């Protein structure tokens, strides 16, 4: 079993700030950053 990935607050902030812009869908962002779409949707306010 491989260890869980841990993301620093800088990375989380960068991803979270791209969501409200609406330029890309959550699926596109998840592909770009290599995280699951559910993780990104949890960052939405």
N, C-alpha and C. Protein backbone atom coordinates (compact mmCIF):
# COMPACT_ATOMS: atom_id res chain seq x y z
N UNK A 1 0.84 -1.17 0.00
CA UNK A 1 0.00 0.00 0.00
C UNK A 1 0.89 1.25 0.00
N UNK A 2 0.58 2.19 -0.87
CA UNK A 2 1.41 3.39 -0.91
C UNK A 2 0.90 4.41 0.10
N UNK A 3 1.78 5.26 0.57
CA UNK A 3 1.37 6.27 1.55
C UNK A 3 0.46 7.33 0.94
N UNK A 4 -0.38 7.92 1.77
CA UNK A 4 -1.29 8.97 1.32
C UNK A 4 -0.51 10.21 0.93
N UNK A 5 -1.02 10.89 -0.10
CA UNK A 5 -0.40 12.16 -0.49
C UNK A 5 -0.83 13.23 0.49
N UNK A 6 0.05 14.14 0.77
CA UNK A 6 -0.28 15.28 1.62
C UNK A 6 0.00 16.54 0.83
N UNK A 7 -0.97 17.44 0.86
CA UNK A 7 -0.84 18.69 0.12
C UNK A 7 -0.66 19.83 1.10
N UNK A 8 0.30 20.70 0.81
CA UNK A 8 0.54 21.84 1.69
C UNK A 8 -0.52 22.91 1.47
N UNK A 9 -0.60 23.84 2.38
CA UNK A 9 -1.64 24.86 2.32
C UNK A 9 -1.49 25.76 1.09
N UNK A 10 -0.27 25.94 0.61
CA UNK A 10 -0.03 26.74 -0.59
C UNK A 10 -0.73 26.13 -1.81
N UNK A 11 -0.58 24.82 -1.94
CA UNK A 11 -1.19 24.10 -3.05
C UNK A 11 -2.71 24.16 -2.95
N UNK A 12 -3.24 23.93 -1.76
CA UNK A 12 -4.69 23.95 -1.56
C UNK A 12 -5.27 25.33 -1.87
N UNK A 13 -4.56 26.37 -1.47
CA UNK A 13 -5.02 27.73 -1.72
C UNK A 13 -5.03 28.02 -3.22
N UNK A 14 -3.98 27.59 -3.91
CA UNK A 14 -3.88 27.81 -5.35
C UNK A 14 -5.05 27.15 -6.08
N UNK A 15 -5.36 25.92 -5.72
CA UNK A 15 -6.46 25.20 -6.35
C UNK A 15 -7.80 25.85 -5.99
N UNK A 16 -7.98 26.19 -4.72
CA UNK A 16 -9.24 26.76 -4.26
C UNK A 16 -9.53 28.12 -4.90
N UNK A 17 -8.49 28.89 -5.19
CA UNK A 17 -8.69 30.19 -5.81
C UNK A 17 -9.06 30.10 -7.29
N UNK A 18 -8.77 28.96 -7.90
CA UNK A 18 -9.12 28.79 -9.31
C UNK A 18 -10.58 28.39 -9.50
N UNK A 19 -11.18 27.80 -8.49
CA UNK A 19 -12.56 27.31 -8.61
C UNK A 19 -13.55 28.44 -8.88
N UNK A 20 -13.57 29.51 -8.10
CA UNK A 20 -14.59 30.54 -8.33
C UNK A 20 -14.40 31.35 -9.62
N UNK A 21 -13.23 31.28 -10.21
CA UNK A 21 -13.01 32.00 -11.47
C UNK A 21 -13.94 31.48 -12.56
N UNK A 22 -14.23 30.19 -12.53
CA UNK A 22 -15.14 29.59 -13.50
C UNK A 22 -14.55 29.39 -14.88
N UNK A 23 -13.25 29.56 -15.01
CA UNK A 23 -12.61 29.37 -16.31
C UNK A 23 -12.52 27.90 -16.69
N UNK A 24 -12.40 27.03 -15.69
CA UNK A 24 -12.32 25.59 -15.93
C UNK A 24 -13.30 24.89 -15.00
N UNK A 25 -13.74 23.73 -15.44
CA UNK A 25 -14.64 22.94 -14.61
C UNK A 25 -13.83 22.24 -13.51
N UNK A 26 -14.53 21.72 -12.54
CA UNK A 26 -13.85 21.00 -11.46
C UNK A 26 -13.13 19.78 -12.00
N UNK A 27 -13.72 19.13 -12.99
CA UNK A 27 -13.08 17.96 -13.59
C UNK A 27 -11.78 18.35 -14.28
N UNK A 28 -11.79 19.47 -14.99
CA UNK A 28 -10.57 19.94 -15.65
C UNK A 28 -9.49 20.29 -14.62
N UNK A 29 -9.89 20.95 -13.53
CA UNK A 29 -8.93 21.29 -12.48
C UNK A 29 -8.37 20.04 -11.81
N UNK A 30 -9.22 19.05 -11.60
CA UNK A 30 -8.74 17.83 -10.96
C UNK A 30 -7.72 17.12 -11.83
N UNK A 31 -7.95 17.16 -13.13
CA UNK A 31 -6.99 16.56 -14.06
C UNK A 31 -5.68 17.35 -14.07
N UNK A 32 -5.80 18.67 -14.07
CA UNK A 32 -4.62 19.54 -14.12
C UNK A 32 -3.73 19.34 -12.88
N UNK A 33 -4.35 19.25 -11.71
CA UNK A 33 -3.59 19.16 -10.47
C UNK A 33 -3.40 17.74 -9.94
N UNK A 34 -4.03 16.77 -10.57
CA UNK A 34 -3.84 15.38 -10.17
C UNK A 34 -4.51 15.00 -8.87
N UNK A 35 -5.65 15.61 -8.61
CA UNK A 35 -6.43 15.26 -7.42
C UNK A 35 -7.84 14.88 -7.85
N UNK A 36 -8.55 14.19 -6.98
CA UNK A 36 -9.91 13.77 -7.30
C UNK A 36 -10.85 14.97 -7.26
N UNK A 37 -11.85 14.97 -8.11
CA UNK A 37 -12.81 16.08 -8.20
C UNK A 37 -13.53 16.32 -6.88
N UNK A 38 -13.78 15.25 -6.12
CA UNK A 38 -14.44 15.41 -4.83
C UNK A 38 -13.60 16.25 -3.87
N UNK A 39 -12.29 16.11 -3.93
CA UNK A 39 -11.42 16.91 -3.06
C UNK A 39 -11.53 18.39 -3.40
N UNK A 40 -11.63 18.70 -4.66
CA UNK A 40 -11.76 20.10 -5.07
C UNK A 40 -13.11 20.65 -4.68
N UNK A 41 -14.16 19.85 -4.86
CA UNK A 41 -15.49 20.33 -4.53
C UNK A 41 -15.63 20.58 -3.03
N UNK A 42 -14.85 19.90 -2.21
CA UNK A 42 -14.87 20.12 -0.76
C UNK A 42 -14.22 21.47 -0.40
N UNK A 43 -13.38 21.99 -1.28
CA UNK A 43 -12.71 23.27 -1.02
C UNK A 43 -13.61 24.46 -1.29
N UNK A 44 -14.68 24.23 -2.05
CA UNK A 44 -15.57 25.35 -2.39
C UNK A 44 -16.23 25.89 -1.13
N UNK A 45 -16.34 27.24 -1.02
CA UNK A 45 -16.96 27.82 0.17
C UNK A 45 -18.45 27.59 0.24
